[in-house]
């Protein structure tokens, strides 16, 4: 459980920092971070359930899209504000070469 909390926290921070780089409104930084952190945590949970990295990426991206649309409607802002920073933790880096 501590493993997932650690990953949630780190992905939250990274998503917020990328939101700042992409000039997201300051009022939406926490929401952007939450969306990215949940997507990454879902990815980690599904990798742990032996779904595979492709299936886990699909499920994490699906959750990211659904949450981004929900946040977009809630805050009345474009969905791209939530999707672009939120997808950063899911972009394959070293995992693509394994």
N, C-alpha and C. Protein backbone atom coordinates (compact mmCIF):
# COMPACT_ATOMS: atom_id res chain seq x y z
N UNK A 1 0.82 -1.19 0.00
CA UNK A 1 0.00 0.00 0.00
C UNK A 1 0.86 1.26 0.00
N UNK A 2 1.96 1.22 0.73
CA UNK A 2 2.87 2.36 0.78
C UNK A 2 3.50 2.61 -0.59
N UNK A 3 3.71 1.53 -1.34
CA UNK A 3 4.25 1.63 -2.70
C UNK A 3 3.33 2.48 -3.58
N UNK A 4 2.03 2.22 -3.53
CA UNK A 4 1.08 2.95 -4.36
C UNK A 4 0.92 4.39 -3.88
N UNK A 5 0.99 4.62 -2.59
CA UNK A 5 0.92 5.98 -2.06
C UNK A 5 2.13 6.80 -2.51
N UNK A 6 3.29 6.16 -2.50
CA UNK A 6 4.51 6.82 -2.97
C UNK A 6 4.38 7.19 -4.44
N UNK A 7 3.91 6.25 -5.26
CA UNK A 7 3.75 6.52 -6.69
C UNK A 7 2.68 7.58 -6.94
N UNK A 8 1.61 7.57 -6.17
CA UNK A 8 0.58 8.60 -6.29
C UNK A 8 1.17 9.97 -6.02
N UNK A 9 1.95 10.08 -4.96
CA UNK A 9 2.53 11.36 -4.57
C UNK A 9 3.52 11.87 -5.62
N UNK A 10 4.41 11.00 -6.07
CA UNK A 10 5.41 11.41 -7.05
C UNK A 10 4.76 11.79 -8.37
N UNK A 11 3.77 11.02 -8.81
CA UNK A 11 3.11 11.35 -10.08
C UNK A 11 2.26 12.62 -9.95
N UNK A 12 1.70 12.86 -8.76
CA UNK A 12 0.98 14.11 -8.53
C UNK A 12 1.91 15.30 -8.69
N UNK A 13 3.07 15.20 -8.08
CA UNK A 13 4.05 16.30 -8.16
C UNK A 13 4.51 16.51 -9.59
N UNK A 14 4.82 15.42 -10.28
CA UNK A 14 5.30 15.57 -11.66
C UNK A 14 4.23 16.14 -12.58
N UNK A 15 2.99 15.74 -12.38
CA UNK A 15 1.90 16.27 -13.21
C UNK A 15 1.67 17.75 -12.92
N UNK A 16 1.74 18.15 -11.67
CA UNK A 16 1.59 19.57 -11.33
C UNK A 16 2.72 20.38 -11.95
N UNK A 17 3.93 19.87 -11.89
CA UNK A 17 5.06 20.60 -12.47
C UNK A 17 4.94 20.72 -13.98
N UNK A 18 4.48 19.67 -14.65
CA UNK A 18 4.26 19.78 -16.08
C UNK A 18 3.09 20.70 -16.39
N UNK A 19 2.11 20.77 -15.52
CA UNK A 19 1.01 21.71 -15.71
C UNK A 19 1.51 23.14 -15.64
N UNK A 20 2.45 23.39 -14.76
CA UNK A 20 3.05 24.73 -14.68
C UNK A 20 3.82 25.04 -15.96
N UNK A 21 4.58 24.06 -16.45
CA UNK A 21 5.33 24.26 -17.69
C UNK A 21 4.40 24.56 -18.86
N UNK A 22 3.25 23.89 -18.90
CA UNK A 22 2.29 24.09 -19.98
C UNK A 22 1.32 25.25 -19.73
N UNK A 23 1.61 26.06 -18.72
CA UNK A 23 0.83 27.27 -18.41
C UNK A 23 -0.64 26.99 -18.11
N UNK A 24 -0.91 25.96 -17.36
CA UNK A 24 -2.28 25.71 -16.91
C UNK A 24 -2.64 26.77 -15.87
N UNK A 25 -3.91 27.12 -15.77
CA UNK A 25 -4.32 28.10 -14.76
C UNK A 25 -3.97 27.61 -13.34
N UNK A 26 -3.55 28.53 -12.51
CA UNK A 26 -3.12 28.16 -11.16
C UNK A 26 -4.23 27.50 -10.34
N UNK A 27 -5.46 27.87 -10.61
CA UNK A 27 -6.59 27.29 -9.87
C UNK A 27 -6.80 25.82 -10.22
N UNK A 28 -6.26 25.38 -11.35
CA UNK A 28 -6.48 24.01 -11.81
C UNK A 28 -5.29 23.09 -11.57
N UNK A 29 -4.24 23.57 -10.94
CA UNK A 29 -3.04 22.76 -10.76
C UNK A 29 -3.32 21.51 -9.91
N UNK A 30 -4.08 21.66 -8.86
CA UNK A 30 -4.38 20.51 -8.00
C UNK A 30 -5.24 19.49 -8.76
N UNK A 31 -6.21 19.97 -9.51
CA UNK A 31 -7.06 19.07 -10.29
C UNK A 31 -6.25 18.34 -11.35
N UNK A 32 -5.36 19.05 -12.03
CA UNK A 32 -4.50 18.40 -13.03
C UNK A 32 -3.61 17.35 -12.37
N UNK A 33 -3.05 17.69 -11.23
CA UNK A 33 -2.20 16.73 -10.52
C UNK A 33 -2.96 15.51 -10.08
N UNK A 34 -4.19 15.71 -9.63
CA UNK A 34 -5.01 14.58 -9.19
C UNK A 34 -5.33 13.65 -10.35
N UNK A 35 -5.67 14.21 -11.50
CA UNK A 35 -6.00 13.40 -12.67
C UNK A 35 -4.79 12.56 -13.09
N UNK A 36 -3.63 13.18 -13.18
CA UNK A 36 -2.43 12.44 -13.56
C UNK A 36 -2.02 11.39 -12.55
N UNK A 37 -2.17 11.72 -11.27
CA UNK A 37 -1.79 10.78 -10.22
C UNK A 37 -2.71 9.56 -10.19
N UNK A 38 -3.99 9.77 -10.39
CA UNK A 38 -4.93 8.64 -10.42
C UNK A 38 -4.65 7.75 -11.62
N UNK A 39 -4.39 8.36 -12.78
CA UNK A 39 -4.09 7.57 -13.97
C UNK A 39 -2.84 6.73 -13.78
N UNK A 40 -1.80 7.30 -13.20
CA UNK A 40 -0.56 6.56 -12.97
C UNK A 40 -0.76 5.46 -11.92
N UNK A 41 -1.52 5.74 -10.89
CA UNK A 41 -1.78 4.72 -9.87
C UNK A 41 -2.58 3.56 -10.44
N UNK A 42 -3.55 3.85 -11.30
CA UNK A 42 -4.29 2.78 -11.98
C UNK A 42 -3.35 1.96 -12.84
N UNK A 43 -2.44 2.62 -13.52
CA UNK A 43 -1.43 1.92 -14.32
C UNK A 43 -0.61 0.98 -13.44
N UNK A 44 -0.14 1.48 -12.32
CA UNK A 44 0.68 0.65 -11.42
C UNK A 44 -0.12 -0.52 -10.84
N UNK A 45 -1.37 -0.27 -10.49
CA UNK A 45 -2.22 -1.35 -9.96
C UNK A 45 -2.44 -2.45 -10.99
N UNK A 46 -2.68 -2.07 -12.24
CA UNK A 46 -2.96 -3.08 -13.26
C UNK A 46 -1.70 -3.79 -13.71
N UNK A 47 -0.55 -3.15 -13.66
CA UNK A 47 0.70 -3.86 -13.93
C UNK A 47 0.93 -4.90 -12.84
N UNK A 48 0.59 -4.55 -11.60
CA UNK A 48 0.73 -5.48 -10.49
C UNK A 48 -0.22 -6.66 -10.56
N UNK A 49 -1.30 -6.52 -11.33
CA UNK A 49 -2.26 -7.62 -11.49
C UNK A 49 -1.97 -8.45 -12.73
N UNK A 50 -0.78 -8.33 -13.27
CA UNK A 50 -0.34 -9.09 -14.45
C UNK A 50 -1.20 -8.85 -15.67
N UNK A 51 -1.66 -7.63 -15.85
CA UNK A 51 -2.42 -7.28 -17.04
C UNK A 51 -1.49 -6.96 -18.20
N UNK A 52 -0.23 -6.73 -17.91
CA UNK A 52 0.74 -6.37 -18.93
C UNK A 52 0.83 -4.86 -19.07
N UNK A 53 1.94 -4.42 -19.65
CA UNK A 53 2.15 -2.98 -19.76
C UNK A 53 1.24 -2.34 -20.79
N UNK A 54 0.91 -3.07 -21.84
CA UNK A 54 0.02 -2.52 -22.86
C UNK A 54 -1.39 -2.35 -22.30
N UNK A 55 -1.90 -3.38 -21.66
CA UNK A 55 -3.23 -3.31 -21.06
C UNK A 55 -3.29 -2.27 -19.95
N UNK A 56 -2.22 -2.19 -19.17
CA UNK A 56 -2.18 -1.20 -18.09
C UNK A 56 -2.14 0.22 -18.65
N UNK A 57 -1.39 0.41 -19.73
CA UNK A 57 -1.35 1.73 -20.37
C UNK A 57 -2.71 2.10 -20.93
N UNK A 58 -3.39 1.12 -21.53
CA UNK A 58 -4.73 1.38 -22.05
C UNK A 58 -5.69 1.77 -20.94
N UNK A 59 -5.68 1.01 -19.85
CA UNK A 59 -6.61 1.30 -18.76
C UNK A 59 -6.28 2.64 -18.09
N UNK A 60 -5.00 2.91 -17.89
CA UNK A 60 -4.61 4.20 -17.31
C UNK A 60 -5.01 5.37 -18.20
N UNK A 61 -4.84 5.20 -19.51
CA UNK A 61 -5.23 6.26 -20.45
C UNK A 61 -6.74 6.43 -20.52
N UNK A 62 -7.46 5.33 -20.43
CA UNK A 62 -8.92 5.40 -20.43
C UNK A 62 -9.42 6.17 -19.21
N UNK A 63 -8.88 5.85 -18.06
CA UNK A 63 -9.25 6.55 -16.82
C UNK A 63 -8.85 8.03 -16.93
N UNK A 64 -7.69 8.29 -17.50
CA UNK A 64 -7.24 9.67 -17.69
C UNK A 64 -8.21 10.45 -18.56
N UNK A 65 -8.65 9.86 -19.65
CA UNK A 65 -9.60 10.53 -20.53
C UNK A 65 -10.93 10.79 -19.87
N UNK A 66 -11.44 9.78 -19.16
CA UNK A 66 -12.73 9.95 -18.47
C UNK A 66 -12.66 11.02 -17.38
N UNK A 67 -11.58 10.98 -16.60
CA UNK A 67 -11.44 11.98 -15.54
C UNK A 67 -11.21 13.37 -16.11
N UNK A 68 -10.48 13.46 -17.20
CA UNK A 68 -10.23 14.76 -17.82
C UNK A 68 -11.52 15.38 -18.33
N UNK A 69 -12.36 14.56 -18.94
CA UNK A 69 -13.65 15.09 -19.41
C UNK A 69 -14.53 15.51 -18.24
N UNK A 70 -14.49 14.74 -17.16
CA UNK A 70 -15.26 15.10 -15.97
C UNK A 70 -14.77 16.42 -15.38
N UNK A 71 -13.46 16.56 -15.25
CA UNK A 71 -12.90 17.81 -14.71
C UNK A 71 -13.17 18.98 -15.65
N UNK A 72 -13.14 18.71 -16.94
CA UNK A 72 -13.41 19.76 -17.92
C UNK A 72 -14.82 20.31 -17.77
N UNK A 73 -15.76 19.43 -17.56
CA UNK A 73 -17.14 19.88 -17.37
C UNK A 73 -17.33 20.57 -16.02
N UNK A 74 -16.64 20.06 -15.01
CA UNK A 74 -16.79 20.63 -13.67
C UNK A 74 -16.24 22.05 -13.60
N UNK A 75 -15.04 22.25 -14.18
CA UNK A 75 -14.39 23.56 -14.11
C UNK A 75 -14.67 24.45 -15.32
N UNK A 76 -15.42 23.91 -16.30
CA UNK A 76 -15.76 24.65 -17.52
C UNK A 76 -14.51 25.18 -18.23
N UNK A 77 -13.56 24.29 -18.41
CA UNK A 77 -12.31 24.60 -19.11
C UNK A 77 -12.08 23.54 -20.18
N UNK A 78 -11.20 23.82 -21.15
CA UNK A 78 -10.93 22.82 -22.18
C UNK A 78 -10.30 21.55 -21.60
N UNK A 79 -10.64 20.43 -22.19
CA UNK A 79 -10.17 19.14 -21.69
C UNK A 79 -8.67 18.97 -21.86
N UNK A 80 -8.09 19.67 -22.82
CA UNK A 80 -6.67 19.54 -23.10
C UNK A 80 -5.81 19.99 -21.92
N UNK A 81 -6.36 20.87 -21.08
CA UNK A 81 -5.64 21.34 -19.89
C UNK A 81 -5.35 20.17 -18.95
N UNK A 82 -6.22 19.19 -18.91
CA UNK A 82 -6.06 18.06 -18.00
C UNK A 82 -5.36 16.88 -18.67
N UNK A 83 -5.60 16.68 -19.95
CA UNK A 83 -5.06 15.49 -20.62
C UNK A 83 -3.56 15.59 -20.84
N UNK A 84 -3.08 16.72 -21.34
CA UNK A 84 -1.67 16.82 -21.71
C UNK A 84 -0.74 16.63 -20.51
N UNK A 85 -0.92 17.34 -19.40
CA UNK A 85 -0.03 17.07 -18.27
C UNK A 85 -0.27 15.69 -17.65
N UNK A 86 -1.50 15.21 -17.73
CA UNK A 86 -1.82 13.92 -17.11
C UNK A 86 -1.25 12.73 -17.85
N UNK A 87 -1.00 12.88 -19.15
CA UNK A 87 -0.48 11.76 -19.92
C UNK A 87 1.03 11.62 -19.75
N UNK A 88 1.69 12.64 -19.26
CA UNK A 88 3.15 12.62 -19.13
C UNK A 88 3.64 11.43 -18.30
N UNK A 89 3.05 11.12 -17.15
CA UNK A 89 3.55 9.94 -16.42
C UNK A 89 3.34 8.62 -17.16
N UNK A 90 2.37 8.58 -18.07
CA UNK A 90 2.08 7.33 -18.79
C UNK A 90 2.91 7.15 -20.05
N UNK A 91 3.60 8.20 -20.49
CA UNK A 91 4.41 8.08 -21.70
C UNK A 91 5.56 7.13 -21.41
N UNK A 92 5.70 6.11 -22.26
CA UNK A 92 6.74 5.11 -21.96
C UNK A 92 8.14 5.68 -22.13
N UNK A 93 8.93 5.44 -21.14
CA UNK A 93 10.33 5.83 -21.18
C UNK A 93 11.17 4.57 -21.26
N UNK A 94 11.70 4.17 -20.13
CA UNK A 94 12.51 2.96 -20.09
C UNK A 94 11.70 1.70 -20.30
N UNK A 95 10.41 1.76 -20.00
CA UNK A 95 9.55 0.57 -20.17
C UNK A 95 9.39 0.19 -21.63
N UNK A 96 9.55 1.15 -22.54
CA UNK A 96 9.40 0.86 -23.96
C UNK A 96 10.55 0.01 -24.48
N UNK A 97 11.67 0.04 -23.80
CA UNK A 97 12.84 -0.69 -24.25
C UNK A 97 12.98 -2.06 -23.62
N UNK A 98 12.09 -2.40 -22.71
CA UNK A 98 12.17 -3.71 -22.04
C UNK A 98 11.57 -4.80 -22.89
